[in-house]
Amino acid sequence: MELKSYLRERAALVDQALDRWLPGAEILPARLHEAMRYSVFAGGKRLRPILIFAACEAVGGQPDRVLHAACAMEMIHTYSLIHDDLPAMDDDDFRRGRPTNHKVFGEANAILAGDALLTEAFRLLADPEANRGIEPGVTLKVIEIIARCAGSQGMVGGQVVDMESEGRPIDFATLQYIHTRKTGALFLASIQAGALLGGGNETQLAALTRYGETAGLAFQIADDILDIVGNQAELGKDVGSDQARGKATYPALLGMSEARRRAEELRDLALAALEPLGPAAEPLRAIASYIVDRKS
């Protein structure tokens, strides 16, 4: 399949819907809404929302059934980036090629913009009109999955352990904990949400769960590698920051060649997990390879 076209078309759907669902910058409090939109529309790849689309399609569902969930996931991801960049955390100056939110709007507004995006995401996930035609039980399950994967047992928990591990020797189990939660959890939530909203059965959901677990970890290992060998202009953010802070990464613990090998192994496991789904899962296959081979 032509992955670039698929990514571009699905990202355009998300951008159009985000523009419709997010409060306009002219609506009070205008500065807050401007800050929210600044980071949401900073040019991200929309990979997590696209995974929701691809998982839905892999089980025979239609993209319009998951558009609200795709937008909610991008809001959650953007909130996490705004907070991750704050001086109290990673203190980054650039994100997606632009000054970070707190550099433009100040720390207080950046914190509140992240808070508002997280809250707006769950308002949208629960919106009756957006969920028209979806069984209430499915809606509740999707909300539960995303909340769990975004919270203390998922992304937030991974961020805490990541910060606690800076500059300290850690074992492989701790590294695995950080990566599967800080990044992998939202990948998994995206896949499971798409499968459920698309009407997937238990067998399909189990296969896609295996895909989400392995592809999410492969993405973070690739990110670790890019922080060392990537180009700042292509990445749109500071490079070398993980090494400078003594962060727990696969290359730091295992070496570059082993990190690459593990990323490729995880990609192959992700591809194998999709075998029962046939041609409908082709976008997910292409994304798994893209995750490991990408330059940004």
C-alpha atoms as a PDB file:
ATOM      1  CA  MET A   1       0.000   0.000   0.000  1.00  0.00           C
ATOM      2  CA  GLU A   2       0.996   3.664  -0.366  1.00  0.00           C
ATOM      3  CA  LEU A   3       1.627   4.543   3.277  1.00  0.00           C
ATOM      4  CA  LYS A   4       2.378   8.227   2.721  1.00  0.00           C
ATOM      5  CA  SER A   5      -1.000   8.778   1.082  1.00  0.00           C
ATOM      6  CA  TYR A   6      -2.786   6.847   3.823  1.00  0.00           C
ATOM      7  CA  LEU A   7      -1.066   8.824   6.585  1.00  0.00           C
ATOM      8  CA  ARG A   8      -1.748  12.122   4.837  1.00  0.00           C
ATOM      9  CA  GLU A   9      -5.438  11.397   4.213  1.00  0.00           C
ATOM     10  CA  ARG A  10      -6.124  10.173   7.734  1.00  0.00           C
ATOM     11  CA  ALA A  11      -4.188  13.061   9.292  1.00  0.00           C
ATOM     12  CA  ALA A  12      -6.279  15.500   7.250  1.00  0.00           C
ATOM     13  CA  LEU A  13      -9.478  13.953   8.632  1.00  0.00           C
ATOM     14  CA  VAL A  14      -8.162  14.394  12.169  1.00  0.00           C
ATOM     15  CA  ASP A  15      -7.061  17.983  11.588  1.00  0.00           C
ATOM     16  CA  GLN A  16     -10.427  18.983  10.144  1.00  0.00           C
ATOM     17  CA  ALA A  17     -12.304  17.411  13.046  1.00  0.00           C
ATOM     18  CA  LEU A  18      -9.953  18.876  15.663  1.00  0.00           C
ATOM     19  CA  ASP A  19     -10.506  22.327  14.208  1.00  0.00           C
ATOM     20  CA  ARG A  20     -14.243  21.754  14.476  1.00  0.00           C
ATOM     21  CA  TRP A  21     -14.274  20.300  17.992  1.00  0.00           C
ATOM     22  CA  LEU A  22     -11.668  22.453  19.737  1.00  0.00           C
ATOM     23  CA  PRO A  23     -12.848  25.868  20.991  1.00  0.00           C
ATOM     24  CA  GLY A  24     -11.780  28.684  18.685  1.00  0.00           C
ATOM     25  CA  ALA A  25      -8.956  31.005  19.694  1.00  0.00           C
ATOM     26  CA  GLU A  26     -11.421  33.912  19.799  1.00  0.00           C
ATOM     27  CA  ILE A  27     -13.601  32.243  22.467  1.00  0.00           C
ATOM     28  CA  LEU A  28     -12.953  33.230  26.077  1.00  0.00           C
ATOM     29  CA  PRO A  29     -10.575  32.500  27.681  1.00  0.00           C
ATOM     30  CA  ALA A  30      -8.889  33.341  24.389  1.00  0.00           C
ATOM     31  CA  ARG A  31      -5.281  32.990  25.554  1.00  0.00           C
ATOM     32  CA  LEU A  32      -5.922  29.483  26.858  1.00  0.00           C
ATOM     33  CA  HIS A  33      -7.626  28.341  23.664  1.00  0.00           C
ATOM     34  CA  GLU A  34      -4.836  29.888  21.601  1.00  0.00           C
ATOM     35  CA  ALA A  35      -2.278  27.927  23.629  1.00  0.00           C
ATOM     36  CA  MET A  36      -4.219  24.691  23.178  1.00  0.00           C
ATOM     37  CA  ARG A  37      -4.448  25.195  19.424  1.00  0.00           C
ATOM     38  CA  TYR A  38      -0.819  26.257  19.141  1.00  0.00           C
ATOM     39  CA  SER A  39       0.395  22.821  20.209  1.00  0.00           C
ATOM     40  CA  VAL A  40      -2.393  20.747  18.662  1.00  0.00           C
ATOM     41  CA  PHE A  41      -1.782  22.285  15.234  1.00  0.00           C
ATOM     42  CA  ALA A  42       2.020  22.332  15.436  1.00  0.00           C
ATOM     43  CA  GLY A  43       2.336  19.729  12.674  1.00  0.00           C
ATOM     44  CA  GLY A  44       2.456  16.370  14.421  1.00  0.00           C
ATOM     45  CA  LYS A  45       2.302  13.068  12.529  1.00  0.00           C
ATOM     46  CA  ARG A  46      -1.064  12.114  14.128  1.00  0.00           C
ATOM     47  CA  LEU A  47       0.255   8.575  14.446  1.00  0.00           C
ATOM     48  CA  ARG A  48      -1.868   7.551  17.428  1.00  0.00           C
ATOM     49  CA  PRO A  49      -5.139   8.737  15.858  1.00  0.00           C
ATOM     50  CA  ILE A  50      -4.130   7.014  12.629  1.00  0.00           C
ATOM     51  CA  LEU A  51      -3.591   3.781  14.567  1.00  0.00           C
ATOM     52  CA  ILE A  52      -7.186   4.097  15.784  1.00  0.00           C
ATOM     53  CA  PHE A  53      -8.377   4.379  12.178  1.00  0.00           C
ATOM     54  CA  ALA A  54      -6.185   1.483  11.021  1.00  0.00           C
ATOM     55  CA  ALA A  55      -7.297  -0.833  13.845  1.00  0.00           C
ATOM     56  CA  CYS A  56     -10.948  -0.015  13.157  1.00  0.00           C
ATOM     57  CA  GLU A  57     -10.497  -0.767   9.457  1.00  0.00           C
ATOM     58  CA  ALA A  58      -8.593  -3.981  10.220  1.00  0.00           C
ATOM     59  CA  VAL A  59     -11.735  -5.409  11.843  1.00  0.00           C
ATOM     60  CA  GLY A  60     -14.049  -4.158   9.096  1.00  0.00           C
ATOM     61  CA  GLY A  61     -15.186  -0.907  10.715  1.00  0.00           C
ATOM     62  CA  GLN A  62     -15.727   2.483   9.073  1.00  0.00           C
ATOM     63  CA  PRO A  63     -13.468   5.480   9.851  1.00  0.00           C
ATOM     64  CA  ASP A  64     -16.359   7.766  10.836  1.00  0.00           C
ATOM     65  CA  ARG A  65     -17.059   5.537  13.869  1.00  0.00           C
ATOM     66  CA  VAL A  66     -13.706   6.411  15.427  1.00  0.00           C
ATOM     67  CA  LEU A  67     -13.144  10.039  14.443  1.00  0.00           C
ATOM     68  CA  HIS A  68     -14.040  11.388  17.890  1.00  0.00           C
ATOM     69  CA  ALA A  69     -11.760   8.878  19.611  1.00  0.00           C
ATOM     70  CA  ALA A  70      -8.930   9.709  17.192  1.00  0.00           C
ATOM     71  CA  CYS A  71      -9.240  13.403  18.020  1.00  0.00           C
ATOM     72  CA  ALA A  72      -9.442  12.698  21.743  1.00  0.00           C
ATOM     73  CA  MET A  73      -6.266  10.631  21.548  1.00  0.00           C
ATOM     74  CA  GLU A  74      -4.419  13.454  19.795  1.00  0.00           C
ATOM     75  CA  MET A  75      -5.555  15.869  22.505  1.00  0.00           C
ATOM     76  CA  ILE A  76      -4.214  13.526  25.197  1.00  0.00           C
ATOM     77  CA  HIS A  77      -0.934  13.050  23.347  1.00  0.00           C
ATOM     78  CA  THR A  78      -0.526  16.808  22.859  1.00  0.00           C
ATOM     79  CA  TYR A  79      -1.247  17.511  26.529  1.00  0.00           C
ATOM     80  CA  SER A  80       1.470  15.029  27.482  1.00  0.00           C
ATOM     81  CA  LEU A  81       3.989  16.757  25.186  1.00  0.00           C
ATOM     82  CA  ILE A  82       3.187  20.210  26.586  1.00  0.00           C
ATOM     83  CA  HIS A  83       3.766  18.976  30.137  1.00  0.00           C
ATOM     84  CA  ASP A  84       6.782  16.860  29.168  1.00  0.00           C
ATOM     85  CA  ASP A  85       8.508  19.979  27.786  1.00  0.00           C
ATOM     86  CA  LEU A  86       8.023  22.048  30.954  1.00  0.00           C
ATOM     87  CA  PRO A  87      11.063  23.205  32.986  1.00  0.00           C
ATOM     88  CA  ALA A  88       9.964  20.938  35.851  1.00  0.00           C
ATOM     89  CA  MET A  89      10.282  17.925  33.547  1.00  0.00           C
ATOM     90  CA  ASP A  90      12.445  17.851  30.390  1.00  0.00           C
ATOM     91  CA  ASP A  91      12.806  21.644  29.984  1.00  0.00           C
ATOM     92  CA  ASP A  92      12.838  21.519  26.176  1.00  0.00           C
ATOM     93  CA  ASP A  93      12.934  24.611  23.975  1.00  0.00           C
ATOM     94  CA  PHE A  94      11.590  23.112  20.743  1.00  0.00           C
ATOM     95  CA  ARG A  95       8.842  20.699  19.780  1.00  0.00           C
ATOM     96  CA  ARG A  96       7.863  19.852  16.194  1.00  0.00           C
ATOM     97  CA  GLY A  97      10.220  22.552  14.940  1.00  0.00           C
ATOM     98  CA  ARG A  98       8.603  25.346  16.954  1.00  0.00           C
ATOM     99  CA  PRO A  99       9.260  26.896  20.391  1.00  0.00           C
ATOM    100  CA  THR A 100       7.588  24.795  23.073  1.00  0.00           C
ATOM    101  CA  ASN A 101       4.283  25.931  24.527  1.00  0.00           C
ATOM    102  CA  HIS A 102       5.713  27.361  27.742  1.00  0.00           C
ATOM    103  CA  LYS A 103       8.263  29.373  25.761  1.00  0.00           C
ATOM    104  CA  VAL A 104       5.435  31.145  23.929  1.00  0.00           C
ATOM    105  CA  PHE A 105       2.618  31.308  26.489  1.00  0.00           C
ATOM    106  CA  GLY A 106       4.420  30.987  29.824  1.00  0.00           C
ATOM    107  CA  GLU A 107       4.542  28.062  32.228  1.00  0.00           C
ATOM    108  CA  ALA A 108       1.160  28.662  33.873  1.00  0.00           C
ATOM    109  CA  ASN A 109      -0.733  28.838  30.584  1.00  0.00           C
ATOM    110  CA  ALA A 110       1.142  25.797  29.270  1.00  0.00           C
ATOM    111  CA  ILE A 111       0.137  23.761  32.314  1.00  0.00           C
ATOM    112  CA  LEU A 112      -3.475  24.865  31.994  1.00  0.00           C
ATOM    113  CA  ALA A 113      -3.513  24.245  28.226  1.00  0.00           C
ATOM    114  CA  GLY A 114      -2.420  20.667  28.894  1.00  0.00           C
ATOM    115  CA  ASP A 115      -5.021  20.281  31.632  1.00  0.00           C
ATOM    116  CA  ALA A 116      -7.736  21.609  29.342  1.00  0.00           C
ATOM    117  CA  LEU A 117      -6.769  19.307  26.463  1.00  0.00           C
ATOM    118  CA  LEU A 118      -6.883  16.246  28.716  1.00  0.00           C
ATOM    119  CA  THR A 119     -10.292  17.236  30.059  1.00  0.00           C
ATOM    120  CA  GLU A 120     -11.650  18.088  26.604  1.00  0.00           C
ATOM    121  CA  ALA A 121     -10.517  14.685  25.343  1.00  0.00           C
ATOM    122  CA  PHE A 122     -12.725  12.851  27.820  1.00  0.00           C
ATOM    123  CA  ARG A 123     -15.628  15.213  27.196  1.00  0.00           C
ATOM    124  CA  LEU A 124     -15.396  14.272  23.524  1.00  0.00           C
ATOM    125  CA  LEU A 125     -15.065  10.539  24.256  1.00  0.00           C
ATOM    126  CA  ALA A 126     -18.322  10.722  26.241  1.00  0.00           C
ATOM    127  CA  ASP A 127     -20.179  13.070  23.862  1.00  0.00           C
ATOM    128  CA  PRO A 128     -23.580  11.519  22.977  1.00  0.00           C
ATOM    129  CA  GLU A 129     -23.651  12.928  19.452  1.00  0.00           C
ATOM    130  CA  ALA A 130     -20.125  11.681  18.671  1.00  0.00           C
ATOM    131  CA  ASN A 131     -21.128   8.240  19.974  1.00  0.00           C
ATOM    132  CA  ARG A 132     -24.348   8.004  17.973  1.00  0.00           C
ATOM    133  CA  GLY A 133     -24.846   4.406  16.828  1.00  0.00           C
ATOM    134  CA  ILE A 134     -22.235   2.986  19.230  1.00  0.00           C
ATOM    135  CA  GLU A 135     -23.305   0.663  22.027  1.00  0.00           C
ATOM    136  CA  PRO A 136     -23.018   2.439  25.427  1.00  0.00           C
ATOM    137  CA  GLY A 137     -21.037  -0.499  26.798  1.00  0.00           C
ATOM    138  CA  VAL A 138     -18.450  -0.081  24.049  1.00  0.00           C
ATOM    139  CA  THR A 139     -18.194   3.649  24.727  1.00  0.00           C
ATOM    140  CA  LEU A 140     -17.607   3.012  28.427  1.00  0.00           C
ATOM    141  CA  LYS A 141     -14.981   0.353  27.708  1.00  0.00           C
ATOM    142  CA  VAL A 142     -13.091   2.687  25.356  1.00  0.00           C
ATOM    143  CA  ILE A 143     -13.120   5.467  27.955  1.00  0.00           C
ATOM    144  CA  GLU A 144     -11.853   3.033  30.610  1.00  0.00           C
ATOM    145  CA  ILE A 145      -9.023   1.756  28.393  1.00  0.00           C
ATOM    146  CA  ILE A 146      -7.829   5.220  27.413  1.00  0.00           C
ATOM    147  CA  ALA A 147      -8.059   6.546  30.982  1.00  0.00           C
ATOM    148  CA  ARG A 148      -6.087   3.584  32.342  1.00  0.00           C
ATOM    149  CA  CYS A 149      -3.402   3.831  29.687  1.00  0.00           C
ATOM    150  CA  ALA A 150      -3.069   7.605  30.172  1.00  0.00           C
ATOM    151  CA  GLY A 151      -2.965   7.543  33.992  1.00  0.00           C
ATOM    152  CA  SER A 152      -0.763   6.357  36.816  1.00  0.00           C
ATOM    153  CA  GLN A 153      -0.755   2.770  35.537  1.00  0.00           C
ATOM    154  CA  GLY A 154       0.200   3.949  32.065  1.00  0.00           C
ATOM    155  CA  MET A 155       1.738   7.076  30.545  1.00  0.00           C
ATOM    156  CA  VAL A 156       1.882   9.218  33.687  1.00  0.00           C
ATOM    157  CA  GLY A 157       3.362   6.361  35.713  1.00  0.00           C
ATOM    158  CA  GLY A 158       5.985   5.772  33.047  1.00  0.00           C
ATOM    159  CA  GLN A 159       6.909   9.461  33.076  1.00  0.00           C
ATOM    160  CA  VAL A 160       7.393   9.395  36.860  1.00  0.00           C
ATOM    161  CA  VAL A 161       9.696   6.376  36.779  1.00  0.00           C
ATOM    162  CA  ASP A 162      11.541   7.894  33.807  1.00  0.00           C
ATOM    163  CA  MET A 163      12.288  11.047  35.798  1.00  0.00           C
ATOM    164  CA  GLU A 164      13.233   9.072  38.905  1.00  0.00           C
ATOM    165  CA  SER A 165      15.702   7.024  36.845  1.00  0.00           C
ATOM    166  CA  GLU A 166      17.617   9.959  35.346  1.00  0.00           C
ATOM    167  CA  GLY A 167      21.334   9.710  36.031  1.00  0.00           C
ATOM    168  CA  ARG A 168      20.956   6.410  37.889  1.00  0.00           C
ATOM    169  CA  PRO A 169      21.874   2.882  36.849  1.00  0.00           C
ATOM    170  CA  ILE A 170      18.729   0.818  36.247  1.00  0.00           C
ATOM    171  CA  ASP A 171      18.020  -2.757  35.288  1.00  0.00           C
ATOM    172  CA  PHE A 172      16.313  -3.963  32.127  1.00  0.00           C
ATOM    173  CA  ALA A 173      12.984  -4.566  33.902  1.00  0.00           C
ATOM    174  CA  THR A 174      12.803  -0.898  34.919  1.00  0.00           C
ATOM    175  CA  LEU A 175      13.676   0.248  31.414  1.00  0.00           C
ATOM    176  CA  GLN A 176      10.954  -2.009  30.019  1.00  0.00           C
ATOM    177  CA  TYR A 177       8.473  -0.601  32.565  1.00  0.00           C
ATOM    178  CA  ILE A 178       9.233   2.971  31.496  1.00  0.00           C
ATOM    179  CA  HIS A 179       8.980   2.330  27.776  1.00  0.00           C
ATOM    180  CA  THR A 180       5.846   0.186  27.817  1.00  0.00           C
ATOM    181  CA  ARG A 181       4.017   2.827  29.830  1.00  0.00           C
ATOM    182  CA  LYS A 182       5.394   6.218  28.869  1.00  0.00           C
ATOM    183  CA  THR A 183       4.960   5.576  25.148  1.00  0.00           C
ATOM    184  CA  GLY A 184       3.609   2.064  24.647  1.00  0.00           C
ATOM    185  CA  ALA A 185       0.453   2.555  26.710  1.00  0.00           C
ATOM    186  CA  LEU A 186      -1.142   5.125  24.386  1.00  0.00           C
ATOM    187  CA  PHE A 187      -0.186   3.025  21.356  1.00  0.00           C
ATOM    188  CA  LEU A 188      -1.967   0.074  22.890  1.00  0.00           C
ATOM    189  CA  ALA A 189      -4.988   2.186  23.881  1.00  0.00           C
ATOM    190  CA  SER A 190      -5.241   3.531  20.334  1.00  0.00           C
ATOM    191  CA  ILE A 191      -5.243   0.051  18.837  1.00  0.00           C
ATOM    192  CA  GLN A 192      -7.735  -1.371  21.328  1.00  0.00           C
ATOM    193  CA  ALA A 193     -10.071   1.620  21.054  1.00  0.00           C
ATOM    194  CA  GLY A 194     -10.097   1.376  17.261  1.00  0.00           C
ATOM    195  CA  ALA A 195     -10.778  -2.354  17.354  1.00  0.00           C
ATOM    196  CA  LEU A 196     -13.634  -2.030  19.850  1.00  0.00           C
ATOM    197  CA  LEU A 197     -15.319   0.902  18.100  1.00  0.00           C
ATOM    198  CA  GLY A 198     -14.928  -0.907  14.772  1.00  0.00           C
ATOM    199  CA  GLY A 199     -16.847  -3.909  16.091  1.00  0.00           C
ATOM    200  CA  GLY A 200     -13.915  -6.321  16.457  1.00  0.00           C
ATOM    201  CA  ASN A 201     -14.450  -9.728  18.025  1.00  0.00           C
ATOM    202  CA  GLU A 202     -12.359 -11.274  20.818  1.00  0.00           C
ATOM    203  CA  THR A 203      -9.951 -13.011  18.439  1.00  0.00           C
ATOM    204  CA  GLN A 204      -9.344  -9.822  16.476  1.00  0.00           C
ATOM    205  CA  LEU A 205      -8.923  -7.783  19.654  1.00  0.00           C
ATOM    206  CA  ALA A 206      -6.375 -10.266  21.015  1.00  0.00           C
ATOM    207  CA  ALA A 207      -4.337 -10.131  17.797  1.00  0.00           C
ATOM    208  CA  LEU A 208      -4.418  -6.354  17.718  1.00  0.00           C
ATOM    209  CA  THR A 209      -3.460  -6.154  21.392  1.00  0.00           C
ATOM    210  CA  ARG A 210      -0.305  -8.131  20.629  1.00  0.00           C
ATOM    211  CA  TYR A 211       0.374  -5.779  17.746  1.00  0.00           C
ATOM    212  CA  GLY A 212      -0.122  -2.694  19.943  1.00  0.00           C
ATOM    213  CA  GLU A 213       2.185  -3.979  22.660  1.00  0.00           C
ATOM    214  CA  THR A 214       5.057  -4.788  20.320  1.00  0.00           C
ATOM    215  CA  ALA A 215       4.692  -1.838  17.923  1.00  0.00           C
ATOM    216  CA  GLY A 216       4.490   0.657  20.784  1.00  0.00           C
ATOM    217  CA  LEU A 217       7.721  -0.589  22.320  1.00  0.00           C
ATOM    218  CA  ALA A 218       9.428  -0.614  18.922  1.00  0.00           C
ATOM    219  CA  PHE A 219       8.419   3.033  18.434  1.00  0.00           C
ATOM    220  CA  GLN A 220      10.050   4.099  21.704  1.00  0.00           C
ATOM    221  CA  ILE A 221      13.264   2.190  20.976  1.00  0.00           C
ATOM    222  CA  ALA A 222      13.390   3.907  17.579  1.00  0.00           C
ATOM    223  CA  ASP A 223      12.882   7.233  19.372  1.00  0.00           C
ATOM    224  CA  ASP A 224      15.814   6.426  21.673  1.00  0.00           C
ATOM    225  CA  ILE A 225      17.997   5.727  18.650  1.00  0.00           C
ATOM    226  CA  LEU A 226      16.902   8.891  16.843  1.00  0.00           C
ATOM    227  CA  ASP A 227      17.814  10.982  19.874  1.00  0.00           C
ATOM    228  CA  ILE A 228      21.409   9.898  19.231  1.00  0.00           C
ATOM    229  CA  VAL A 229      21.674   9.694  15.442  1.00  0.00           C
ATOM    230  CA  GLY A 230      18.754  11.868  14.292  1.00  0.00           C
ATOM    231  CA  ASN A 231      18.830  15.277  12.657  1.00  0.00           C
ATOM    232  CA  GLN A 232      17.275  18.117  14.665  1.00  0.00           C
ATOM    233  CA  ALA A 233      15.794  19.741  11.554  1.00  0.00           C
ATOM    234  CA  GLU A 234      14.031  16.496  10.619  1.00  0.00           C
ATOM    235  CA  LEU A 235      12.972  15.623  14.158  1.00  0.00           C
ATOM    236  CA  GLY A 236      11.738  19.118  14.998  1.00  0.00           C
ATOM    237  CA  LYS A 237      13.076  18.858  18.567  1.00  0.00           C
ATOM    238  CA  ASP A 238      16.341  18.872  20.457  1.00  0.00           C
ATOM    239  CA  VAL A 239      18.596  15.865  19.871  1.00  0.00           C
ATOM    240  CA  GLY A 240      21.038  14.399  22.348  1.00  0.00           C
ATOM    241  CA  SER A 241      18.857  15.457  25.263  1.00  0.00           C
ATOM    242  CA  ASP A 242      18.365  11.904  26.560  1.00  0.00           C
ATOM    243  CA  GLN A 243      22.114  11.365  26.848  1.00  0.00           C
ATOM    244  CA  ALA A 244      22.656  14.792  28.408  1.00  0.00           C
ATOM    245  CA  ARG A 245      20.119  14.055  31.153  1.00  0.00           C
ATOM    246  CA  GLY A 246      21.263  10.500  31.739  1.00  0.00           C
ATOM    247  CA  LYS A 247      17.856   9.144  30.742  1.00  0.00           C
ATOM    248  CA  ALA A 248      17.102   5.426  30.705  1.00  0.00           C
ATOM    249  CA  THR A 249      17.179   4.312  27.053  1.00  0.00           C
ATOM    250  CA  TYR A 250      17.770   1.100  25.136  1.00  0.00           C
ATOM    251  CA  PRO A 251      21.020   2.304  23.512  1.00  0.00           C
ATOM    252  CA  ALA A 252      22.355   3.473  26.890  1.00  0.00           C
ATOM    253  CA  LEU A 253      21.629   0.154  28.586  1.00  0.00           C
ATOM    254  CA  LEU A 254      22.127  -2.345  25.757  1.00  0.00           C
ATOM    255  CA  GLY A 255      24.199  -0.536  23.141  1.00  0.00           C
ATOM    256  CA  MET A 256      23.159   0.783  19.745  1.00  0.00           C
ATOM    257  CA  SER A 257      23.406  -2.464  17.752  1.00  0.00           C
ATOM    258  CA  GLU A 258      21.349  -4.422  20.294  1.00  0.00           C
ATOM    259  CA  ALA A 259      18.775  -1.636  20.464  1.00  0.00           C
ATOM    260  CA  ARG A 260      18.375  -1.755  16.675  1.00  0.00           C
ATOM    261  CA  ARG A 261      18.091  -5.544  16.759  1.00  0.00           C
ATOM    262  CA  ARG A 262      15.377  -5.437  19.395  1.00  0.00           C
ATOM    263  CA  ALA A 263      13.396  -2.802  17.501  1.00  0.00           C
ATOM    264  CA  GLU A 264      13.490  -4.986  14.388  1.00  0.00           C
ATOM    265  CA  GLU A 265      12.534  -8.064  16.400  1.00  0.00           C
ATOM    266  CA  LEU A 266       9.535  -6.231  17.863  1.00  0.00           C
ATOM    267  CA  ARG A 267       8.516  -5.088  14.378  1.00  0.00           C
ATOM    268  CA  ASP A 268       8.544  -8.700  13.204  1.00  0.00           C
ATOM    269  CA  LEU A 269       6.447  -9.768  16.193  1.00  0.00           C
ATOM    270  CA  ALA A 270       3.967  -6.998  15.428  1.00  0.00           C
ATOM    271  CA  LEU A 271       3.704  -8.156  11.823  1.00  0.00           C
ATOM    272  CA  ALA A 272       3.217 -11.762  12.906  1.00  0.00           C
ATOM    273  CA  ALA A 273       0.380 -10.728  15.222  1.00  0.00           C
ATOM    274  CA  LEU A 274      -1.541  -9.380  12.229  1.00  0.00           C
ATOM    275  CA  GLU A 275      -1.552 -12.639  10.256  1.00  0.00           C
ATOM    276  CA  PRO A 276      -5.127 -13.624  11.256  1.00  0.00           C
ATOM    277  CA  LEU A 277      -6.499 -10.281  10.032  1.00  0.00           C
ATOM    278  CA  GLY A 278      -5.625 -10.608   6.345  1.00  0.00           C
ATOM    279  CA  PRO A 279      -5.449  -7.738   3.828  1.00  0.00           C
ATOM    280  CA  ALA A 280      -7.584  -5.397   5.951  1.00  0.00           C
ATOM    281  CA  ALA A 281      -4.617  -4.952   8.293  1.00  0.00           C
ATOM    282  CA  GLU A 282      -2.255  -3.800   5.541  1.00  0.00           C
ATOM    283  CA  PRO A 283      -2.048  -0.212   6.853  1.00  0.00           C
ATOM    284  CA  LEU A 284      -0.972  -1.548  10.250  1.00  0.00           C
ATOM    285  CA  ARG A 285       1.724  -3.656   8.583  1.00  0.00           C
ATOM    286  CA  ALA A 286       3.072  -0.627   6.755  1.00  0.00           C
ATOM    287  CA  ILE A 287       2.998   1.446   9.951  1.00  0.00           C
ATOM    288  CA  ALA A 288       4.987  -1.216  11.858  1.00  0.00           C
ATOM    289  CA  SER A 289       7.782  -1.016   9.309  1.00  0.00           C
ATOM    290  CA  TYR A 290       7.612   2.785   9.217  1.00  0.00           C
ATOM    291  CA  ILE A 291       7.936   2.951  13.001  1.00  0.00           C
ATOM    292  CA  VAL A 292      11.339   1.239  12.938  1.00  0.00           C
ATOM    293  CA  ASP A 293      12.725   2.760   9.731  1.00  0.00           C
ATOM    294  CA  ARG A 294      11.595   6.392  10.180  1.00  0.00           C
ATOM    295  CA  LYS A 295      13.994   9.341  10.293  1.00  0.00           C
ATOM    296  CA  SER A 296      11.800  11.630  12.354  1.00  0.00           C
END
